[in-house]
């Protein structure tokens, strides 16, 4: 997936779907986070790191939703290091309670948090956009292309004028409704609603003018 590797993400998703269960250690750690910080943790995973990292281990803390994930930040660009240090201490205490054989020092452990909901929404959106792109061009030759940008997507008409023309005519709303219908087929965890749907419209003209005709440059912009 985006930030989590595929195996870690798949395990977390299976837990969210009720197909798999957390370990007793993860259950105790999640209960502590919920009680002390009102943070809902879906799963945790300890990974051994290879040199030259200054940490020997990394604890992946997979948080259920964006609201709870943001509690681990002081700002969009700054981690709450005090909270992460407390997570590290608690994990080591819980691991000792469960008889973990690893002798891990606090200074050896890096805690990294992830927003599971964004990963899951991105997966659903990527799948939906691929299907949508294949289906939409036949009934709508007015559409040049469609791309996915994580949990959002962009539909491109040919000209800037088209954006306003098809918005006013209702075509864009119809396209949005069809996209949403496809998206919900891939939204296994019901994370998307019409209120948080992020489908926007742009034009090939804009891509040609400002991104050298490249959707790759556009997606990085």
N, C-alpha and C. Protein backbone atom coordinates (compact mmCIF):
# COMPACT_ATOMS: atom_id res chain seq x y z
N UNK A 1 0.84 -1.20 0.00
CA UNK A 1 0.00 0.00 0.00
C UNK A 1 0.87 1.26 0.00
N UNK A 2 0.35 2.36 0.56
CA UNK A 2 1.06 3.63 0.43
C UNK A 2 2.23 3.71 1.40
N UNK A 3 1.96 3.65 2.69
CA UNK A 3 3.00 3.73 3.71
C UNK A 3 3.26 2.37 4.35
N UNK A 4 2.23 1.60 4.56
CA UNK A 4 2.39 0.26 5.10
C UNK A 4 2.73 -0.71 3.98
N UNK A 5 3.59 -1.70 4.29
CA UNK A 5 3.82 -2.69 3.25
C UNK A 5 2.59 -3.58 3.14
N UNK A 6 2.48 -4.29 2.04
CA UNK A 6 1.24 -4.99 1.72
C UNK A 6 0.84 -6.03 2.75
N UNK A 7 1.81 -6.78 3.28
CA UNK A 7 1.48 -7.82 4.25
C UNK A 7 0.95 -7.22 5.56
N UNK A 8 1.58 -6.14 6.01
CA UNK A 8 1.14 -5.49 7.25
C UNK A 8 -0.26 -4.90 7.05
N UNK A 9 -0.46 -4.27 5.91
CA UNK A 9 -1.78 -3.69 5.62
C UNK A 9 -2.85 -4.77 5.54
N UNK A 10 -2.54 -5.87 4.85
CA UNK A 10 -3.53 -6.94 4.69
C UNK A 10 -3.93 -7.54 6.04
N UNK A 11 -2.96 -7.72 6.93
CA UNK A 11 -3.28 -8.24 8.26
C UNK A 11 -4.20 -7.28 9.00
N UNK A 12 -3.88 -5.98 8.94
CA UNK A 12 -4.71 -4.99 9.62
C UNK A 12 -6.12 -4.95 9.04
N UNK A 13 -6.21 -5.04 7.72
CA UNK A 13 -7.53 -5.02 7.10
C UNK A 13 -8.35 -6.24 7.50
N UNK A 14 -7.72 -7.41 7.56
CA UNK A 14 -8.43 -8.61 7.98
C UNK A 14 -8.95 -8.48 9.40
N UNK A 15 -8.18 -7.81 10.26
CA UNK A 15 -8.65 -7.55 11.62
C UNK A 15 -9.86 -6.62 11.58
N UNK A 16 -9.77 -5.57 10.77
CA UNK A 16 -10.89 -4.62 10.66
C UNK A 16 -12.15 -5.30 10.12
N UNK A 17 -11.97 -6.28 9.23
CA UNK A 17 -13.11 -6.99 8.66
C UNK A 17 -13.62 -8.12 9.55
N UNK A 18 -12.89 -8.40 10.63
CA UNK A 18 -13.29 -9.48 11.52
C UNK A 18 -12.85 -10.85 11.05
N UNK A 19 -11.99 -10.89 10.04
CA UNK A 19 -11.50 -12.17 9.52
C UNK A 19 -10.37 -12.70 10.38
N UNK A 20 -9.59 -11.79 10.96
CA UNK A 20 -8.46 -12.16 11.82
C UNK A 20 -8.60 -11.44 13.15
N UNK A 21 -7.76 -11.83 14.10
CA UNK A 21 -7.82 -11.24 15.44
C UNK A 21 -6.44 -10.76 15.86
N UNK A 22 -6.43 -9.74 16.70
CA UNK A 22 -5.16 -9.25 17.25
C UNK A 22 -4.59 -10.26 18.24
N UNK A 23 -3.28 -10.16 18.43
CA UNK A 23 -2.64 -10.97 19.46
C UNK A 23 -3.05 -10.46 20.84
N UNK A 24 -2.93 -11.29 21.88
CA UNK A 24 -3.21 -10.82 23.24
C UNK A 24 -2.38 -9.60 23.63
N UNK A 25 -1.10 -9.59 23.19
CA UNK A 25 -0.25 -8.43 23.47
C UNK A 25 -0.83 -7.17 22.83
N UNK A 26 -1.22 -7.28 21.57
CA UNK A 26 -1.80 -6.14 20.86
C UNK A 26 -3.12 -5.71 21.51
N UNK A 27 -3.90 -6.66 21.98
CA UNK A 27 -5.16 -6.33 22.67
C UNK A 27 -4.89 -5.49 23.91
N UNK A 28 -3.91 -5.89 24.70
CA UNK A 28 -3.60 -5.15 25.93
C UNK A 28 -3.08 -3.75 25.61
N UNK A 29 -2.23 -3.66 24.60
CA UNK A 29 -1.70 -2.36 24.22
C UNK A 29 -2.82 -1.45 23.71
N UNK A 30 -3.72 -2.00 22.90
CA UNK A 30 -4.84 -1.22 22.37
C UNK A 30 -5.77 -0.77 23.49
N UNK A 31 -5.98 -1.62 24.48
CA UNK A 31 -6.85 -1.26 25.61
C UNK A 31 -6.24 -0.10 26.39
N UNK A 32 -4.93 -0.13 26.57
CA UNK A 32 -4.25 0.99 27.26
C UNK A 32 -4.41 2.29 26.47
N UNK A 33 -4.16 2.26 25.17
CA UNK A 33 -4.26 3.47 24.34
C UNK A 33 -5.67 4.04 24.35
N UNK A 34 -6.66 3.16 24.32
CA UNK A 34 -8.06 3.62 24.34
C UNK A 34 -8.40 4.24 25.68
N UNK A 35 -7.92 3.65 26.77
CA UNK A 35 -8.23 4.14 28.11
C UNK A 35 -7.51 5.45 28.42
N UNK A 36 -6.23 5.53 28.08
CA UNK A 36 -5.42 6.69 28.46
C UNK A 36 -5.52 7.87 27.50
N UNK A 37 -5.69 7.57 26.21
CA UNK A 37 -5.62 8.64 25.22
C UNK A 37 -6.81 8.67 24.25
N UNK A 38 -7.77 7.77 24.44
CA UNK A 38 -8.92 7.67 23.53
C UNK A 38 -8.46 7.50 22.08
N UNK A 39 -7.42 6.71 21.91
CA UNK A 39 -6.89 6.38 20.58
C UNK A 39 -7.23 4.93 20.30
N UNK A 40 -7.94 4.70 19.20
CA UNK A 40 -8.32 3.34 18.83
C UNK A 40 -7.25 2.74 17.92
N UNK A 41 -6.61 1.71 18.41
CA UNK A 41 -5.53 1.05 17.67
C UNK A 41 -6.06 -0.24 17.08
N UNK A 42 -5.83 -0.40 15.79
CA UNK A 42 -6.30 -1.59 15.09
C UNK A 42 -5.33 -2.75 15.28
N UNK A 43 -4.02 -2.46 15.20
CA UNK A 43 -3.04 -3.52 15.35
C UNK A 43 -1.68 -2.89 15.61
N UNK A 44 -0.75 -3.71 16.08
CA UNK A 44 0.65 -3.29 16.21
C UNK A 44 1.52 -4.39 15.63
N UNK A 45 2.71 -4.00 15.22
CA UNK A 45 3.66 -5.00 14.73
C UNK A 45 5.08 -4.54 15.04
N UNK A 46 5.85 -5.43 15.60
CA UNK A 46 7.25 -5.14 15.92
C UNK A 46 8.13 -5.66 14.79
N UNK A 47 9.01 -4.80 14.30
CA UNK A 47 9.93 -5.18 13.22
C UNK A 47 11.37 -4.95 13.67
N UNK A 48 12.23 -5.90 13.35
CA UNK A 48 13.65 -5.73 13.62
C UNK A 48 14.28 -4.98 12.46
N UNK A 49 15.05 -3.96 12.76
CA UNK A 49 15.65 -3.12 11.73
C UNK A 49 17.10 -3.52 11.49
N UNK A 50 17.51 -3.36 10.26
CA UNK A 50 18.90 -3.65 9.90
C UNK A 50 19.74 -2.40 10.07
N UNK A 51 21.01 -2.57 10.42
CA UNK A 51 21.91 -1.41 10.43
C UNK A 51 21.91 -0.78 9.04
N UNK A 52 22.20 0.52 8.90
CA UNK A 52 22.82 1.40 9.88
C UNK A 52 21.82 2.22 10.72
N UNK A 53 20.56 1.83 10.81
CA UNK A 53 19.60 2.58 11.63
C UNK A 53 20.10 2.66 13.07
N UNK A 54 19.86 3.80 13.70
CA UNK A 54 20.28 3.93 15.11
C UNK A 54 19.33 3.20 16.05
N UNK A 55 18.17 2.77 15.51
CA UNK A 55 17.23 1.97 16.29
C UNK A 55 17.35 0.51 15.86
N UNK A 56 17.17 -0.39 16.82
CA UNK A 56 17.23 -1.82 16.51
C UNK A 56 15.87 -2.38 16.13
N UNK A 57 14.81 -1.71 16.62
CA UNK A 57 13.45 -2.19 16.39
C UNK A 57 12.53 -1.01 16.07
N UNK A 58 11.48 -1.34 15.32
CA UNK A 58 10.44 -0.36 15.05
C UNK A 58 9.09 -0.98 15.42
N UNK A 59 8.31 -0.22 16.17
CA UNK A 59 6.95 -0.63 16.51
C UNK A 59 5.99 0.11 15.60
N UNK A 60 5.30 -0.64 14.74
CA UNK A 60 4.27 -0.05 13.88
C UNK A 60 2.97 -0.01 14.67
N UNK A 61 2.43 1.18 14.85
CA UNK A 61 1.15 1.35 15.56
C UNK A 61 0.12 1.78 14.52
N UNK A 62 -0.80 0.88 14.21
CA UNK A 62 -1.77 1.13 13.14
C UNK A 62 -3.06 1.60 13.77
N UNK A 63 -3.35 2.88 13.57
CA UNK A 63 -4.47 3.54 14.23
C UNK A 63 -5.69 3.52 13.32
N UNK A 64 -6.85 3.31 13.90
CA UNK A 64 -8.06 3.03 13.13
C UNK A 64 -8.47 4.14 12.20
N UNK A 65 -8.45 5.39 12.66
CA UNK A 65 -8.98 6.47 11.84
C UNK A 65 -8.15 7.74 11.95
N UNK A 66 -8.45 8.69 11.09
CA UNK A 66 -7.67 9.93 11.01
C UNK A 66 -7.79 10.76 12.28
N UNK A 67 -8.97 10.84 12.83
CA UNK A 67 -9.18 11.64 14.05
C UNK A 67 -8.25 11.16 15.17
N UNK A 68 -8.18 9.85 15.37
CA UNK A 68 -7.32 9.33 16.42
C UNK A 68 -5.84 9.43 16.04
N UNK A 69 -5.53 9.23 14.77
CA UNK A 69 -4.14 9.36 14.32
C UNK A 69 -3.61 10.76 14.59
N UNK A 70 -4.44 11.77 14.40
CA UNK A 70 -4.00 13.16 14.59
C UNK A 70 -3.63 13.46 16.04
N UNK A 71 -4.09 12.64 16.96
CA UNK A 71 -3.72 12.83 18.37
C UNK A 71 -2.25 12.50 18.61
N UNK A 72 -1.62 11.82 17.66
CA UNK A 72 -0.19 11.51 17.80
C UNK A 72 0.68 12.61 17.21
N UNK A 73 0.06 13.69 16.74
CA UNK A 73 0.78 14.81 16.13
C UNK A 73 0.57 16.08 16.93
N UNK A 74 1.57 16.94 16.94
CA UNK A 74 1.42 18.28 17.50
C UNK A 74 0.95 19.26 16.43
N UNK A 75 1.29 18.94 15.19
CA UNK A 75 0.86 19.71 14.02
C UNK A 75 0.93 18.75 12.85
N UNK A 76 0.42 19.15 11.67
CA UNK A 76 0.51 18.24 10.52
C UNK A 76 1.93 17.81 10.18
N UNK A 77 2.93 18.54 10.68
CA UNK A 77 4.33 18.24 10.31
C UNK A 77 5.18 17.85 11.51
N UNK A 78 4.58 17.75 12.69
CA UNK A 78 5.37 17.50 13.90
C UNK A 78 4.75 16.39 14.73
N UNK A 79 5.54 15.38 15.02
CA UNK A 79 5.06 14.27 15.83
C UNK A 79 4.98 14.67 17.30
N UNK A 80 4.09 14.02 18.02
CA UNK A 80 4.01 14.21 19.47
C UNK A 80 4.99 13.22 20.12
N UNK A 81 6.23 13.65 20.25
CA UNK A 81 7.28 12.74 20.71
C UNK A 81 7.05 12.25 22.13
N UNK A 82 6.42 13.09 22.95
CA UNK A 82 6.13 12.67 24.32
C UNK A 82 5.16 11.48 24.33
N UNK A 83 4.12 11.56 23.51
CA UNK A 83 3.16 10.46 23.43
C UNK A 83 3.81 9.21 22.84
N UNK A 84 4.62 9.38 21.81
CA UNK A 84 5.27 8.23 21.19
C UNK A 84 6.23 7.55 22.16
N UNK A 85 6.91 8.34 22.98
CA UNK A 85 7.79 7.76 24.00
C UNK A 85 6.99 6.98 25.03
N UNK A 86 5.83 7.49 25.39
CA UNK A 86 4.96 6.77 26.32
C UNK A 86 4.46 5.47 25.70
N UNK A 87 4.16 5.50 24.40
CA UNK A 87 3.76 4.28 23.71
C UNK A 87 4.89 3.25 23.75
N UNK A 88 6.12 3.70 23.55
CA UNK A 88 7.26 2.79 23.58
C UNK A 88 7.39 2.15 24.96
N UNK A 89 7.29 2.97 26.02
CA UNK A 89 7.40 2.43 27.38
C UNK A 89 6.29 1.43 27.67
N UNK A 90 5.07 1.77 27.25
CA UNK A 90 3.95 0.88 27.52
C UNK A 90 4.07 -0.43 26.75
N UNK A 91 4.53 -0.33 25.51
CA UNK A 91 4.70 -1.56 24.73
C UNK A 91 5.70 -2.49 25.41
N UNK A 92 6.82 -1.95 25.87
CA UNK A 92 7.82 -2.80 26.52
C UNK A 92 7.28 -3.41 27.80
N UNK A 93 6.45 -2.65 28.54
CA UNK A 93 5.84 -3.17 29.76
C UNK A 93 4.87 -4.31 29.44
N UNK A 94 4.06 -4.11 28.39
CA UNK A 94 3.10 -5.14 28.00
C UNK A 94 3.83 -6.36 27.45
N UNK A 95 4.89 -6.14 26.66
CA UNK A 95 5.65 -7.25 26.11
C UNK A 95 6.26 -8.09 27.23
N UNK A 96 6.77 -7.43 28.27
CA UNK A 96 7.33 -8.16 29.41
C UNK A 96 6.25 -8.98 30.11
N UNK A 97 5.07 -8.40 30.24
CA UNK A 97 3.96 -9.11 30.87
C UNK A 97 3.61 -10.38 30.10
N UNK A 98 3.74 -10.32 28.78
CA UNK A 98 3.39 -11.47 27.95
C UNK A 98 4.59 -12.39 27.69
N UNK A 99 5.67 -12.13 28.41
CA UNK A 99 6.81 -13.03 28.33
C UNK A 99 7.59 -12.94 27.05
N UNK A 100 7.67 -11.74 26.47
CA UNK A 100 8.45 -11.59 25.26
C UNK A 100 9.91 -11.94 25.53
N UNK A 101 10.49 -12.72 24.62
CA UNK A 101 11.87 -13.16 24.81
C UNK A 101 12.88 -12.08 24.44
N UNK A 102 12.41 -11.07 23.71
CA UNK A 102 13.33 -10.03 23.26
C UNK A 102 13.67 -9.10 24.42
N UNK A 103 14.94 -8.78 24.58
CA UNK A 103 15.40 -7.81 25.56
C UNK A 103 15.65 -6.49 24.83
N UNK A 104 14.61 -5.68 24.75
CA UNK A 104 14.68 -4.45 23.97
C UNK A 104 14.80 -3.27 24.92
N UNK A 105 15.80 -2.43 24.71
CA UNK A 105 15.94 -1.21 25.49
C UNK A 105 15.04 -0.13 24.90
N UNK A 106 14.61 0.79 25.77
CA UNK A 106 13.76 1.88 25.31
C UNK A 106 14.43 2.68 24.20
N UNK A 107 15.73 2.88 24.33
CA UNK A 107 16.46 3.67 23.33
C UNK A 107 16.62 2.93 22.01
N UNK A 108 16.31 1.63 22.00
CA UNK A 108 16.43 0.83 20.77
C UNK A 108 15.13 0.80 19.96
N UNK A 109 14.06 1.39 20.50
CA UNK A 109 12.73 1.22 19.91
C UNK A 109 12.22 2.51 19.28
N UNK A 110 11.93 2.45 18.00
CA UNK A 110 11.31 3.56 17.27
C UNK A 110 9.82 3.26 17.10
N UNK A 111 8.97 4.20 17.49
CA UNK A 111 7.52 4.04 17.33
C UNK A 111 7.06 4.88 16.14
N UNK A 112 6.36 4.24 15.21
CA UNK A 112 5.83 4.94 14.04
C UNK A 112 4.34 4.64 13.94
N UNK A 113 3.54 5.68 13.82
CA UNK A 113 2.08 5.53 13.75
C UNK A 113 1.59 5.70 12.32
N UNK A 114 0.51 4.99 12.01
CA UNK A 114 -0.07 5.03 10.67
C UNK A 114 -1.58 5.17 10.77
N UNK A 115 -2.14 5.90 9.83
CA UNK A 115 -3.59 6.09 9.73
C UNK A 115 -4.16 5.01 8.82
N UNK A 116 -4.76 3.99 9.41
CA UNK A 116 -5.27 2.87 8.61
C UNK A 116 -6.37 3.32 7.67
N UNK A 117 -7.23 4.23 8.10
CA UNK A 117 -8.37 4.62 7.26
C UNK A 117 -7.91 5.23 5.95
N UNK A 118 -6.83 6.00 5.96
CA UNK A 118 -6.33 6.57 4.72
C UNK A 118 -5.76 5.49 3.79
N UNK A 119 -5.10 4.50 4.38
CA UNK A 119 -4.59 3.40 3.57
C UNK A 119 -5.75 2.64 2.91
N UNK A 120 -6.79 2.36 3.69
CA UNK A 120 -7.92 1.59 3.18
C UNK A 120 -8.70 2.40 2.14
N UNK A 121 -8.85 3.69 2.37
CA UNK A 121 -9.55 4.52 1.40
C UNK A 121 -8.75 4.64 0.10
N UNK A 122 -7.44 4.70 0.22
CA UNK A 122 -6.59 4.75 -0.97
C UNK A 122 -6.71 3.46 -1.77
N UNK A 123 -6.69 2.32 -1.08
CA UNK A 123 -6.84 1.04 -1.79
C UNK A 123 -8.16 1.00 -2.55
N UNK A 124 -9.25 1.36 -1.88
CA UNK A 124 -10.57 1.34 -2.53
C UNK A 124 -10.61 2.30 -3.71
N UNK A 125 -10.03 3.47 -3.53
CA UNK A 125 -10.07 4.48 -4.59
C UNK A 125 -9.23 4.08 -5.79
N UNK A 126 -8.07 3.49 -5.56
CA UNK A 126 -7.24 3.04 -6.68
C UNK A 126 -7.97 1.97 -7.50
N UNK A 127 -8.59 1.02 -6.82
CA UNK A 127 -9.32 -0.03 -7.53
C UNK A 127 -10.51 0.57 -8.29
N UNK A 128 -11.23 1.46 -7.64
CA UNK A 128 -12.41 2.05 -8.27
C UNK A 128 -12.03 2.91 -9.47
N UNK A 129 -10.96 3.67 -9.35
CA UNK A 129 -10.55 4.55 -10.44
C UNK A 129 -10.12 3.75 -11.66
N UNK A 130 -9.44 2.64 -11.44
CA UNK A 130 -9.05 1.78 -12.56
C UNK A 130 -10.28 1.26 -13.30
N UNK A 131 -11.28 0.80 -12.56
CA UNK A 131 -12.52 0.32 -13.18
C UNK A 131 -13.27 1.47 -13.84
N UNK A 132 -13.33 2.59 -13.16
CA UNK A 132 -14.05 3.76 -13.66
C UNK A 132 -13.44 4.25 -14.97
N UNK A 133 -12.11 4.31 -15.01
CA UNK A 133 -11.44 4.77 -16.23
C UNK A 133 -11.77 3.87 -17.41
N UNK A 134 -11.81 2.57 -17.17
CA UNK A 134 -12.09 1.63 -18.26
C UNK A 134 -13.52 1.76 -18.77
N UNK A 135 -14.44 2.12 -17.88
CA UNK A 135 -15.85 2.14 -18.26
C UNK A 135 -16.35 3.51 -18.74
N UNK A 136 -15.73 4.58 -18.27
CA UNK A 136 -16.32 5.90 -18.45
C UNK A 136 -16.11 6.48 -19.84
N UNK A 137 -15.06 6.06 -20.53
CA UNK A 137 -14.74 6.69 -21.80
C UNK A 137 -15.71 6.30 -22.91
N UNK A 138 -16.30 5.13 -22.81
CA UNK A 138 -17.25 4.73 -23.86
C UNK A 138 -18.49 5.61 -23.85
N UNK A 139 -19.18 5.77 -22.71
CA UNK A 139 -20.36 6.63 -22.73
C UNK A 139 -20.03 8.12 -22.70
N UNK A 140 -18.79 8.47 -22.30
CA UNK A 140 -18.41 9.88 -22.18
C UNK A 140 -17.10 10.15 -22.93
N UNK A 141 -17.15 10.23 -24.25
CA UNK A 141 -15.93 10.56 -25.01
C UNK A 141 -15.43 11.97 -24.73
N UNK A 142 -16.22 12.76 -24.01
CA UNK A 142 -15.80 14.11 -23.62
C UNK A 142 -14.72 14.06 -22.54
N UNK A 143 -14.52 12.88 -21.94
CA UNK A 143 -13.51 12.74 -20.88
C UNK A 143 -12.20 12.27 -21.49
N UNK A 144 -11.13 13.00 -21.17
CA UNK A 144 -9.80 12.65 -21.68
C UNK A 144 -9.16 11.54 -20.86
N UNK A 145 -9.19 11.67 -19.51
CA UNK A 145 -8.56 10.66 -18.67
C UNK A 145 -9.06 10.83 -17.23
N UNK A 146 -8.71 9.84 -16.40
CA UNK A 146 -9.05 9.86 -14.97
C UNK A 146 -7.84 9.32 -14.23
N UNK A 147 -7.45 9.99 -13.15
CA UNK A 147 -6.33 9.49 -12.34
C UNK A 147 -6.72 9.48 -10.87
N UNK A 148 -6.07 8.59 -10.12
CA UNK A 148 -6.26 8.52 -8.67
C UNK A 148 -5.08 9.19 -7.97
N UNK A 149 -5.40 10.00 -6.97
CA UNK A 149 -4.40 10.63 -6.12
C UNK A 149 -4.69 10.19 -4.68
N UNK A 150 -4.16 9.07 -4.29
CA UNK A 150 -4.43 8.49 -2.98
C UNK A 150 -5.94 8.29 -2.80
N UNK A 151 -6.57 8.95 -1.81
CA UNK A 151 -7.99 8.69 -1.62
C UNK A 151 -8.89 9.62 -2.42
N UNK A 152 -8.33 10.43 -3.29
CA UNK A 152 -9.11 11.29 -4.18
C UNK A 152 -8.78 10.96 -5.63
N UNK A 153 -9.63 11.44 -6.55
CA UNK A 153 -9.41 11.21 -7.98
C UNK A 153 -9.76 12.48 -8.75
N UNK A 154 -9.23 12.54 -9.97
CA UNK A 154 -9.47 13.69 -10.84
C UNK A 154 -9.95 13.20 -12.20
N UNK A 155 -11.04 13.78 -12.68
CA UNK A 155 -11.56 13.53 -14.03
C UNK A 155 -11.12 14.69 -14.91
N UNK A 156 -10.53 14.38 -16.06
CA UNK A 156 -10.06 15.42 -16.97
C UNK A 156 -10.94 15.50 -18.21
N UNK A 157 -11.53 16.68 -18.42
CA UNK A 157 -12.13 16.98 -19.71
C UNK A 157 -11.01 17.48 -20.63
N UNK A 158 -11.37 17.88 -21.84
CA UNK A 158 -10.34 18.31 -22.78
C UNK A 158 -9.95 19.78 -22.59
N UNK A 159 -10.91 20.65 -22.35
CA UNK A 159 -10.60 22.08 -22.26
C UNK A 159 -11.06 22.65 -20.92
N UNK A 160 -10.48 23.80 -20.56
CA UNK A 160 -10.93 24.50 -19.35
C UNK A 160 -12.40 24.88 -19.45
N UNK A 161 -12.82 25.26 -20.65
CA UNK A 161 -14.21 25.63 -20.86
C UNK A 161 -15.15 24.45 -20.57
N UNK A 162 -14.68 23.24 -20.89
CA UNK A 162 -15.49 22.05 -20.65
C UNK A 162 -15.84 21.90 -19.17
N UNK A 163 -14.92 22.26 -18.29
CA UNK A 163 -15.16 22.10 -16.85
C UNK A 163 -16.42 22.84 -16.45
N UNK A 164 -16.54 24.08 -16.90
CA UNK A 164 -17.70 24.90 -16.54
C UNK A 164 -18.94 24.46 -17.31
N UNK A 165 -18.77 24.09 -18.57
CA UNK A 165 -19.91 23.67 -19.40
C UNK A 165 -20.59 22.44 -18.79
N UNK A 166 -19.79 21.44 -18.42
CA UNK A 166 -20.38 20.18 -17.95
C UNK A 166 -20.81 20.26 -16.49
N UNK A 167 -20.25 21.21 -15.75
CA UNK A 167 -20.76 21.46 -14.40
C UNK A 167 -22.17 22.04 -14.48
N UNK A 168 -22.35 23.02 -15.35
CA UNK A 168 -23.65 23.68 -15.47
C UNK A 168 -24.70 22.77 -16.09
N UNK A 169 -24.29 21.89 -16.99
CA UNK A 169 -25.26 21.02 -17.67
C UNK A 169 -25.67 19.81 -16.82
N UNK A 170 -24.95 19.57 -15.72
CA UNK A 170 -25.25 18.43 -14.87
C UNK A 170 -24.48 17.17 -15.21
N UNK A 171 -23.69 17.21 -16.28
CA UNK A 171 -22.91 16.04 -16.67
C UNK A 171 -21.93 15.64 -15.56
N UNK A 172 -21.27 16.63 -14.98
CA UNK A 172 -20.28 16.34 -13.94
C UNK A 172 -20.92 15.67 -12.73
N UNK A 173 -22.12 16.08 -12.40
CA UNK A 173 -22.81 15.43 -11.28
C UNK A 173 -23.15 13.98 -11.61
N UNK A 174 -23.57 13.75 -12.84
CA UNK A 174 -23.86 12.37 -13.27
C UNK A 174 -22.60 11.51 -13.23
N UNK A 175 -21.47 12.06 -13.70
CA UNK A 175 -20.20 11.35 -13.66
C UNK A 175 -19.80 11.05 -12.22
N UNK A 176 -20.00 12.02 -11.34
CA UNK A 176 -19.68 11.84 -9.92
C UNK A 176 -20.52 10.72 -9.31
N UNK A 177 -21.79 10.70 -9.64
CA UNK A 177 -22.68 9.64 -9.13
C UNK A 177 -22.24 8.26 -9.61
N UNK A 178 -21.82 8.18 -10.87
CA UNK A 178 -21.38 6.89 -11.41
C UNK A 178 -20.07 6.45 -10.77
N UNK A 179 -19.18 7.40 -10.56
CA UNK A 179 -17.92 7.10 -9.87
C UNK A 179 -18.19 6.59 -8.46
N UNK A 180 -19.08 7.26 -7.75
CA UNK A 180 -19.40 6.87 -6.37
C UNK A 180 -19.98 5.46 -6.31
N UNK A 181 -20.81 5.14 -7.28
CA UNK A 181 -21.41 3.81 -7.34
C UNK A 181 -20.33 2.73 -7.50
N UNK A 182 -19.36 2.98 -8.35
CA UNK A 182 -18.26 2.04 -8.54
C UNK A 182 -17.38 1.99 -7.28
N UNK A 183 -17.10 3.14 -6.71
CA UNK A 183 -16.26 3.22 -5.51
C UNK A 183 -16.83 2.38 -4.37
N UNK A 184 -18.13 2.46 -4.17
CA UNK A 184 -18.73 1.74 -3.06
C UNK A 184 -18.61 0.22 -3.21
N UNK A 185 -18.45 -0.26 -4.42
CA UNK A 185 -18.23 -1.70 -4.62
C UNK A 185 -16.89 -2.15 -4.05
N UNK A 186 -15.94 -1.24 -4.00
CA UNK A 186 -14.60 -1.55 -3.51
C UNK A 186 -14.36 -1.08 -2.08
N UNK A 187 -15.34 -0.40 -1.51
CA UNK A 187 -15.21 0.18 -0.17
C UNK A 187 -15.64 -0.85 0.86
N UNK A 188 -14.78 -1.83 1.11
CA UNK A 188 -15.13 -2.96 1.97
C UNK A 188 -15.49 -2.56 3.40
N UNK A 189 -14.93 -1.44 3.85
CA UNK A 189 -15.11 -1.03 5.24
C UNK A 189 -16.06 0.15 5.39
N UNK A 190 -16.73 0.51 4.28
CA UNK A 190 -17.73 1.60 4.29
C UNK A 190 -17.14 2.90 4.85
N UNK A 191 -15.98 3.27 4.35
CA UNK A 191 -15.31 4.49 4.80
C UNK A 191 -15.73 5.71 3.99
N UNK A 192 -16.21 5.50 2.78
CA UNK A 192 -16.60 6.63 1.93
C UNK A 192 -18.09 6.91 2.06
N UNK A 193 -18.41 8.19 2.09
CA UNK A 193 -19.79 8.66 1.97
C UNK A 193 -19.82 9.74 0.90
N UNK A 194 -21.00 10.16 0.54
CA UNK A 194 -21.08 11.25 -0.44
C UNK A 194 -20.51 12.54 0.12
N UNK A 195 -20.51 12.67 1.44
CA UNK A 195 -19.98 13.89 2.06
C UNK A 195 -18.45 13.94 2.04
N UNK A 196 -17.78 12.78 2.15
CA UNK A 196 -16.31 12.83 2.15
C UNK A 196 -15.71 12.39 0.81
N UNK A 197 -16.56 12.20 -0.19
CA UNK A 197 -16.08 11.86 -1.53
C UNK A 197 -15.23 13.00 -2.08
N UNK A 198 -14.10 12.65 -2.67
CA UNK A 198 -13.20 13.66 -3.21
C UNK A 198 -12.92 13.36 -4.68
N UNK A 199 -13.84 13.79 -5.53
CA UNK A 199 -13.66 13.69 -6.98
C UNK A 199 -13.70 15.10 -7.54
N UNK A 200 -12.65 15.49 -8.22
CA UNK A 200 -12.59 16.84 -8.79
C UNK A 200 -12.45 16.75 -10.30
N UNK A 201 -12.58 17.91 -10.95
CA UNK A 201 -12.55 17.96 -12.41
C UNK A 201 -11.49 18.96 -12.86
N UNK A 202 -10.75 18.58 -13.88
CA UNK A 202 -9.72 19.44 -14.45
C UNK A 202 -9.71 19.22 -15.95
N UNK A 203 -8.67 19.70 -16.63
CA UNK A 203 -8.67 19.60 -18.09
C UNK A 203 -7.31 19.22 -18.64
N UNK A 204 -7.34 18.60 -19.79
CA UNK A 204 -6.11 18.32 -20.53
C UNK A 204 -5.41 19.63 -20.88
N UNK A 205 -6.19 20.66 -21.16
CA UNK A 205 -5.61 21.97 -21.47
C UNK A 205 -4.71 22.45 -20.34
N UNK A 206 -5.16 22.29 -19.11
CA UNK A 206 -4.36 22.69 -17.96
C UNK A 206 -3.11 21.83 -17.82
N UNK A 207 -3.24 20.53 -18.05
CA UNK A 207 -2.08 19.63 -17.98
C UNK A 207 -1.06 20.00 -19.04
N UNK A 208 -1.52 20.31 -20.25
CA UNK A 208 -0.61 20.70 -21.33
C UNK A 208 0.10 22.01 -21.02
N UNK A 209 -0.65 22.97 -20.48
CA UNK A 209 -0.09 24.30 -20.23
C UNK A 209 0.90 24.32 -19.06
N UNK A 210 0.54 23.63 -17.99
CA UNK A 210 1.27 23.80 -16.73
C UNK A 210 2.06 22.59 -16.27
N UNK A 211 1.88 21.45 -16.93
CA UNK A 211 2.58 20.23 -16.49
C UNK A 211 3.21 19.49 -17.66
N UNK A 212 3.55 20.22 -18.71
CA UNK A 212 4.22 19.65 -19.89
C UNK A 212 3.47 18.46 -20.45
N UNK A 213 2.14 18.48 -20.32
CA UNK A 213 1.32 17.40 -20.86
C UNK A 213 1.44 16.09 -20.10
N UNK A 214 2.03 16.11 -18.91
CA UNK A 214 2.32 14.88 -18.17
C UNK A 214 1.44 14.74 -16.93
N UNK A 215 0.69 13.65 -16.88
CA UNK A 215 -0.10 13.37 -15.67
C UNK A 215 0.81 12.98 -14.51
N UNK A 216 1.99 12.47 -14.81
CA UNK A 216 2.95 12.17 -13.74
C UNK A 216 3.35 13.46 -13.02
N UNK A 217 3.70 14.49 -13.80
CA UNK A 217 4.04 15.78 -13.17
C UNK A 217 2.83 16.36 -12.44
N UNK A 218 1.67 16.19 -13.03
CA UNK A 218 0.45 16.70 -12.40
C UNK A 218 0.24 16.05 -11.03
N UNK A 219 0.41 14.74 -10.97
CA UNK A 219 0.17 14.02 -9.73
C UNK A 219 1.19 14.40 -8.66
N UNK A 220 2.38 14.83 -9.08
CA UNK A 220 3.40 15.25 -8.12
C UNK A 220 3.25 16.72 -7.74
N UNK A 221 2.42 17.44 -8.49
CA UNK A 221 2.25 18.86 -8.22
C UNK A 221 1.30 19.14 -7.11
